Structure formats: structure tokens, C-alpha cells
Amino acid sequence: MTLFIPPQKENFLIMNYILRDENAIYYECGYSCDNALFMKLGSESFFLTDGRYQEDAKENVKDATVISKEIYIKRQIELSENLKLKD
């Protein structure tokens, strides 16, 4: 049996996760809506939502960068095209 020990940085466990549940998202950043996604990538946090909630999210989300889902998806498509990734 092999024991997996996750990478650590400065004696802290590096956590990466994605949340879709409104209550869990609210717990993480103090705000949620019916069309949100919360990503924790190491020490950075991102709140993704659509244009309807952008302004409200920018005013209320704590400790996370607010990103438009449309812009995020467009950027991921551009990145995959640049890397010549296939579906």
C-alpha cells in the first residue's frame, strides 16, 4: 500500500477544490447566487458567475476574484486552441 502525501508549501497543505453548492460557496466568500462556481486553487480563490450577477458579486464577494463565466470559457477555448488540444 502506497501512502500519498499531498504537496505542502511552508508547512501548509495546498488545497484545490471547486464548489457548486450555494451554501458552500456562501460559506467560503460571503456571497452566492443561483449561477455561481467557486474555485480554490492553492492560495487563490475565484468566484465565477454570469453577467447578471457581476456587479453585485464584485461588491459582496470577500477574499476571491470575481470572474465572468463567459470570459473564463472564452479564455479556456483560446488556450486550448493555442495548445492545439483536441476534445
N, C-alpha and C. Protein backbone atom coordinates (compact mmCIF):
# COMPACT_ATOMS: atom_id res chain seq x y z
N MET A 1 0.84 -1.17 0.00
CA MET A 1 0.00 0.00 0.00
C MET A 1 0.89 1.24 0.00
N THR A 2 0.61 2.17 -0.92
CA THR A 2 1.38 3.40 -1.02
C THR A 2 0.59 4.53 -0.38
N LEU A 3 1.22 5.28 0.47
CA LEU A 3 0.58 6.42 1.12
C LEU A 3 0.88 7.66 0.30
N PHE A 4 -0.17 8.35 -0.09
CA PHE A 4 0.00 9.58 -0.86
C PHE A 4 0.04 10.76 0.11
N ILE A 5 1.09 11.53 0.06
CA ILE A 5 1.20 12.73 0.88
C ILE A 5 1.12 13.92 -0.06
N PRO A 6 0.05 14.74 0.09
CA PRO A 6 -0.12 15.89 -0.81
C PRO A 6 1.02 16.89 -0.67
N PRO A 7 1.28 17.66 -1.73
CA PRO A 7 2.35 18.66 -1.65
C PRO A 7 2.05 19.69 -0.57
N GLN A 8 3.08 20.18 0.06
CA GLN A 8 2.92 21.21 1.08
C GLN A 8 3.79 22.40 0.74
N LYS A 9 3.34 23.54 1.18
CA LYS A 9 4.08 24.77 0.96
C LYS A 9 4.14 25.51 2.29
N GLU A 10 5.32 25.78 2.76
CA GLU A 10 5.51 26.49 4.01
C GLU A 10 4.71 25.84 5.15
N ASN A 11 4.74 24.53 5.21
CA ASN A 11 4.07 23.76 6.25
C ASN A 11 2.55 23.85 6.21
N PHE A 12 1.99 24.32 5.12
CA PHE A 12 0.55 24.36 4.97
C PHE A 12 0.14 23.43 3.83
N LEU A 13 -0.93 22.73 4.00
CA LEU A 13 -1.44 21.85 2.97
C LEU A 13 -2.02 22.71 1.84
N ILE A 14 -1.66 22.41 0.61
CA ILE A 14 -2.19 23.13 -0.54
C ILE A 14 -3.53 22.49 -0.91
N MET A 15 -4.58 23.29 -0.91
CA MET A 15 -5.92 22.79 -1.18
C MET A 15 -6.42 23.35 -2.52
N ASN A 16 -6.93 22.47 -3.36
CA ASN A 16 -7.55 22.85 -4.62
C ASN A 16 -8.92 22.20 -4.66
N TYR A 17 -9.97 23.00 -4.89
CA TYR A 17 -11.30 22.43 -4.99
C TYR A 17 -12.24 23.38 -5.73
N ILE A 18 -13.35 22.83 -6.20
CA ILE A 18 -14.39 23.58 -6.89
C ILE A 18 -15.71 23.32 -6.18
N LEU A 19 -16.46 24.38 -5.93
CA LEU A 19 -17.77 24.26 -5.27
C LEU A 19 -18.87 24.73 -6.20
N ARG A 20 -20.01 24.02 -6.17
CA ARG A 20 -21.19 24.42 -6.93
C ARG A 20 -22.38 24.68 -6.02
N ASP A 21 -22.35 24.15 -4.81
CA ASP A 21 -23.45 24.30 -3.87
C ASP A 21 -23.50 25.74 -3.33
N GLU A 22 -24.69 26.37 -3.41
CA GLU A 22 -24.81 27.77 -3.00
C GLU A 22 -24.41 28.00 -1.55
N ASN A 23 -24.80 27.10 -0.65
CA ASN A 23 -24.46 27.26 0.76
C ASN A 23 -22.96 27.16 0.99
N ALA A 24 -22.32 26.21 0.32
CA ALA A 24 -20.87 26.04 0.46
C ALA A 24 -20.13 27.26 -0.10
N ILE A 25 -20.61 27.79 -1.22
CA ILE A 25 -19.99 28.98 -1.81
C ILE A 25 -20.14 30.17 -0.87
N TYR A 26 -21.33 30.33 -0.31
CA TYR A 26 -21.56 31.44 0.62
C TYR A 26 -20.62 31.34 1.83
N TYR A 27 -20.43 30.14 2.31
CA TYR A 27 -19.54 29.92 3.45
C TYR A 27 -18.11 30.37 3.12
N GLU A 28 -17.68 30.12 1.90
CA GLU A 28 -16.30 30.46 1.50
C GLU A 28 -16.08 31.95 1.28
N CYS A 29 -17.07 32.65 0.70
CA CYS A 29 -16.80 34.04 0.30
C CYS A 29 -17.87 35.05 0.72
N GLY A 30 -18.89 34.61 1.44
CA GLY A 30 -19.89 35.55 1.94
C GLY A 30 -20.92 35.98 0.93
N TYR A 31 -20.97 35.32 -0.22
CA TYR A 31 -21.95 35.67 -1.25
C TYR A 31 -22.19 34.46 -2.14
N SER A 32 -23.40 34.34 -2.64
CA SER A 32 -23.71 33.30 -3.63
C SER A 32 -24.93 33.72 -4.43
N CYS A 33 -25.15 33.03 -5.51
CA CYS A 33 -26.31 33.26 -6.37
C CYS A 33 -26.63 31.93 -7.05
N ASP A 34 -27.68 31.92 -7.86
CA ASP A 34 -28.11 30.65 -8.45
C ASP A 34 -27.26 30.20 -9.64
N ASN A 35 -26.29 31.01 -10.04
CA ASN A 35 -25.43 30.63 -11.17
C ASN A 35 -23.99 30.98 -10.83
N ALA A 36 -23.41 30.22 -9.90
CA ALA A 36 -22.05 30.53 -9.45
C ALA A 36 -21.22 29.26 -9.33
N LEU A 37 -19.93 29.47 -9.40
CA LEU A 37 -18.95 28.42 -9.22
C LEU A 37 -17.81 29.04 -8.42
N PHE A 38 -17.31 28.34 -7.41
CA PHE A 38 -16.22 28.84 -6.59
C PHE A 38 -15.04 27.90 -6.76
N MET A 39 -13.87 28.47 -7.09
CA MET A 39 -12.66 27.65 -7.25
C MET A 39 -11.61 28.12 -6.27
N LYS A 40 -11.04 27.17 -5.55
CA LYS A 40 -9.91 27.44 -4.66
C LYS A 40 -8.72 26.72 -5.27
N LEU A 41 -7.71 27.49 -5.67
CA LEU A 41 -6.51 26.94 -6.30
C LEU A 41 -5.31 27.42 -5.50
N GLY A 42 -4.87 26.57 -4.58
CA GLY A 42 -3.78 26.96 -3.70
C GLY A 42 -4.21 28.11 -2.81
N SER A 43 -3.48 29.21 -2.87
CA SER A 43 -3.80 30.36 -2.04
C SER A 43 -4.74 31.34 -2.74
N GLU A 44 -5.14 31.05 -3.98
CA GLU A 44 -6.02 31.94 -4.73
C GLU A 44 -7.44 31.39 -4.78
N SER A 45 -8.41 32.31 -4.74
CA SER A 45 -9.83 31.93 -4.82
C SER A 45 -10.50 32.72 -5.93
N PHE A 46 -11.43 32.06 -6.64
CA PHE A 46 -12.12 32.68 -7.76
C PHE A 46 -13.62 32.40 -7.65
N PHE A 47 -14.43 33.42 -7.88
CA PHE A 47 -15.88 33.31 -7.90
C PHE A 47 -16.31 33.55 -9.34
N LEU A 48 -16.87 32.54 -10.00
CA LEU A 48 -17.31 32.67 -11.38
C LEU A 48 -18.82 32.76 -11.43
N THR A 49 -19.32 33.72 -12.17
CA THR A 49 -20.76 33.85 -12.36
C THR A 49 -21.02 34.52 -13.71
N ASP A 50 -22.29 34.57 -14.11
CA ASP A 50 -22.59 35.21 -15.39
C ASP A 50 -22.80 36.71 -15.20
N GLY A 51 -23.00 37.39 -16.31
CA GLY A 51 -23.10 38.84 -16.32
C GLY A 51 -24.21 39.42 -15.46
N ARG A 52 -25.27 38.66 -15.22
CA ARG A 52 -26.38 39.18 -14.41
C ARG A 52 -25.94 39.51 -12.99
N TYR A 53 -24.96 38.80 -12.48
CA TYR A 53 -24.57 38.95 -11.08
C TYR A 53 -23.20 39.61 -10.91
N GLN A 54 -22.57 40.04 -11.97
CA GLN A 54 -21.21 40.58 -11.92
C GLN A 54 -21.06 41.74 -10.93
N GLU A 55 -21.85 42.77 -11.09
CA GLU A 55 -21.70 43.96 -10.24
C GLU A 55 -21.98 43.64 -8.78
N ASP A 56 -23.06 42.91 -8.52
CA ASP A 56 -23.41 42.54 -7.16
C ASP A 56 -22.31 41.68 -6.53
N ALA A 57 -21.79 40.74 -7.30
CA ALA A 57 -20.73 39.87 -6.80
C ALA A 57 -19.47 40.68 -6.50
N LYS A 58 -19.10 41.60 -7.37
CA LYS A 58 -17.90 42.41 -7.15
C LYS A 58 -17.99 43.21 -5.86
N GLU A 59 -19.20 43.63 -5.50
CA GLU A 59 -19.40 44.41 -4.28
C GLU A 59 -19.44 43.53 -3.03
N ASN A 60 -19.84 42.26 -3.16
CA ASN A 60 -20.11 41.44 -1.98
C ASN A 60 -19.18 40.25 -1.74
N VAL A 61 -18.52 39.77 -2.76
CA VAL A 61 -17.63 38.61 -2.59
C VAL A 61 -16.40 39.03 -1.79
N LYS A 62 -16.07 38.23 -0.79
CA LYS A 62 -14.91 38.51 0.05
C LYS A 62 -13.80 37.49 -0.23
N ASP A 63 -12.58 37.95 -0.30
CA ASP A 63 -11.40 37.09 -0.41
C ASP A 63 -11.38 36.20 -1.65
N ALA A 64 -11.97 36.67 -2.75
CA ALA A 64 -11.94 35.92 -4.01
C ALA A 64 -12.03 36.91 -5.18
N THR A 65 -11.43 36.54 -6.29
CA THR A 65 -11.50 37.34 -7.51
C THR A 65 -12.76 36.95 -8.26
N VAL A 66 -13.58 37.95 -8.63
CA VAL A 66 -14.81 37.70 -9.38
C VAL A 66 -14.49 37.68 -10.86
N ILE A 67 -14.93 36.61 -11.53
CA ILE A 67 -14.66 36.42 -12.95
C ILE A 67 -15.97 36.09 -13.66
N SER A 68 -16.16 36.67 -14.84
CA SER A 68 -17.32 36.35 -15.67
C SER A 68 -17.15 34.97 -16.27
N LYS A 69 -18.17 34.14 -16.16
CA LYS A 69 -18.10 32.79 -16.74
C LYS A 69 -17.86 32.86 -18.24
N GLU A 70 -18.49 33.82 -18.90
CA GLU A 70 -18.34 33.94 -20.34
C GLU A 70 -16.89 34.22 -20.73
N ILE A 71 -16.26 35.12 -20.00
CA ILE A 71 -14.87 35.45 -20.27
C ILE A 71 -13.97 34.27 -19.95
N TYR A 72 -14.26 33.58 -18.85
CA TYR A 72 -13.47 32.41 -18.45
C TYR A 72 -13.54 31.31 -19.52
N ILE A 73 -14.74 31.03 -19.99
CA ILE A 73 -14.91 29.98 -21.00
C ILE A 73 -14.22 30.38 -22.30
N LYS A 74 -14.38 31.64 -22.70
CA LYS A 74 -13.73 32.12 -23.93
C LYS A 74 -12.21 31.97 -23.81
N ARG A 75 -11.66 32.32 -22.65
CA ARG A 75 -10.21 32.22 -22.45
C ARG A 75 -9.74 30.77 -22.48
N GLN A 76 -10.54 29.87 -21.92
CA GLN A 76 -10.16 28.45 -21.94
C GLN A 76 -10.17 27.89 -23.36
N ILE A 77 -11.13 28.33 -24.17
CA ILE A 77 -11.19 27.91 -25.57
C ILE A 77 -9.97 28.42 -26.32
N GLU A 78 -9.63 29.70 -26.11
CA GLU A 78 -8.44 30.26 -26.76
C GLU A 78 -7.18 29.51 -26.35
N LEU A 79 -7.08 29.22 -25.08
CA LEU A 79 -5.91 28.50 -24.57
C LEU A 79 -5.80 27.11 -25.18
N SER A 80 -6.93 26.40 -25.26
CA SER A 80 -6.90 25.05 -25.84
C SER A 80 -6.58 25.10 -27.33
N GLU A 81 -7.05 26.14 -28.02
CA GLU A 81 -6.72 26.27 -29.43
C GLU A 81 -5.23 26.58 -29.61
N ASN A 82 -4.69 27.42 -28.74
CA ASN A 82 -3.25 27.73 -28.82
C ASN A 82 -2.39 26.52 -28.53
N LEU A 83 -2.88 25.66 -27.65
CA LEU A 83 -2.12 24.45 -27.30
C LEU A 83 -2.43 23.29 -28.25
N LYS A 84 -3.39 23.54 -29.16
CA LYS A 84 -3.84 22.53 -30.12
C LYS A 84 -4.35 21.28 -29.44
N LEU A 85 -5.15 21.51 -28.38
CA LEU A 85 -5.77 20.38 -27.67
C LEU A 85 -7.01 19.95 -28.43
N LYS A 86 -7.30 18.67 -28.41
CA LYS A 86 -8.49 18.16 -29.06
C LYS A 86 -9.48 17.72 -28.00
N ASP A 87 -10.77 17.73 -28.38
CA ASP A 87 -11.82 17.30 -27.44
C ASP A 87 -11.67 15.84 -27.09
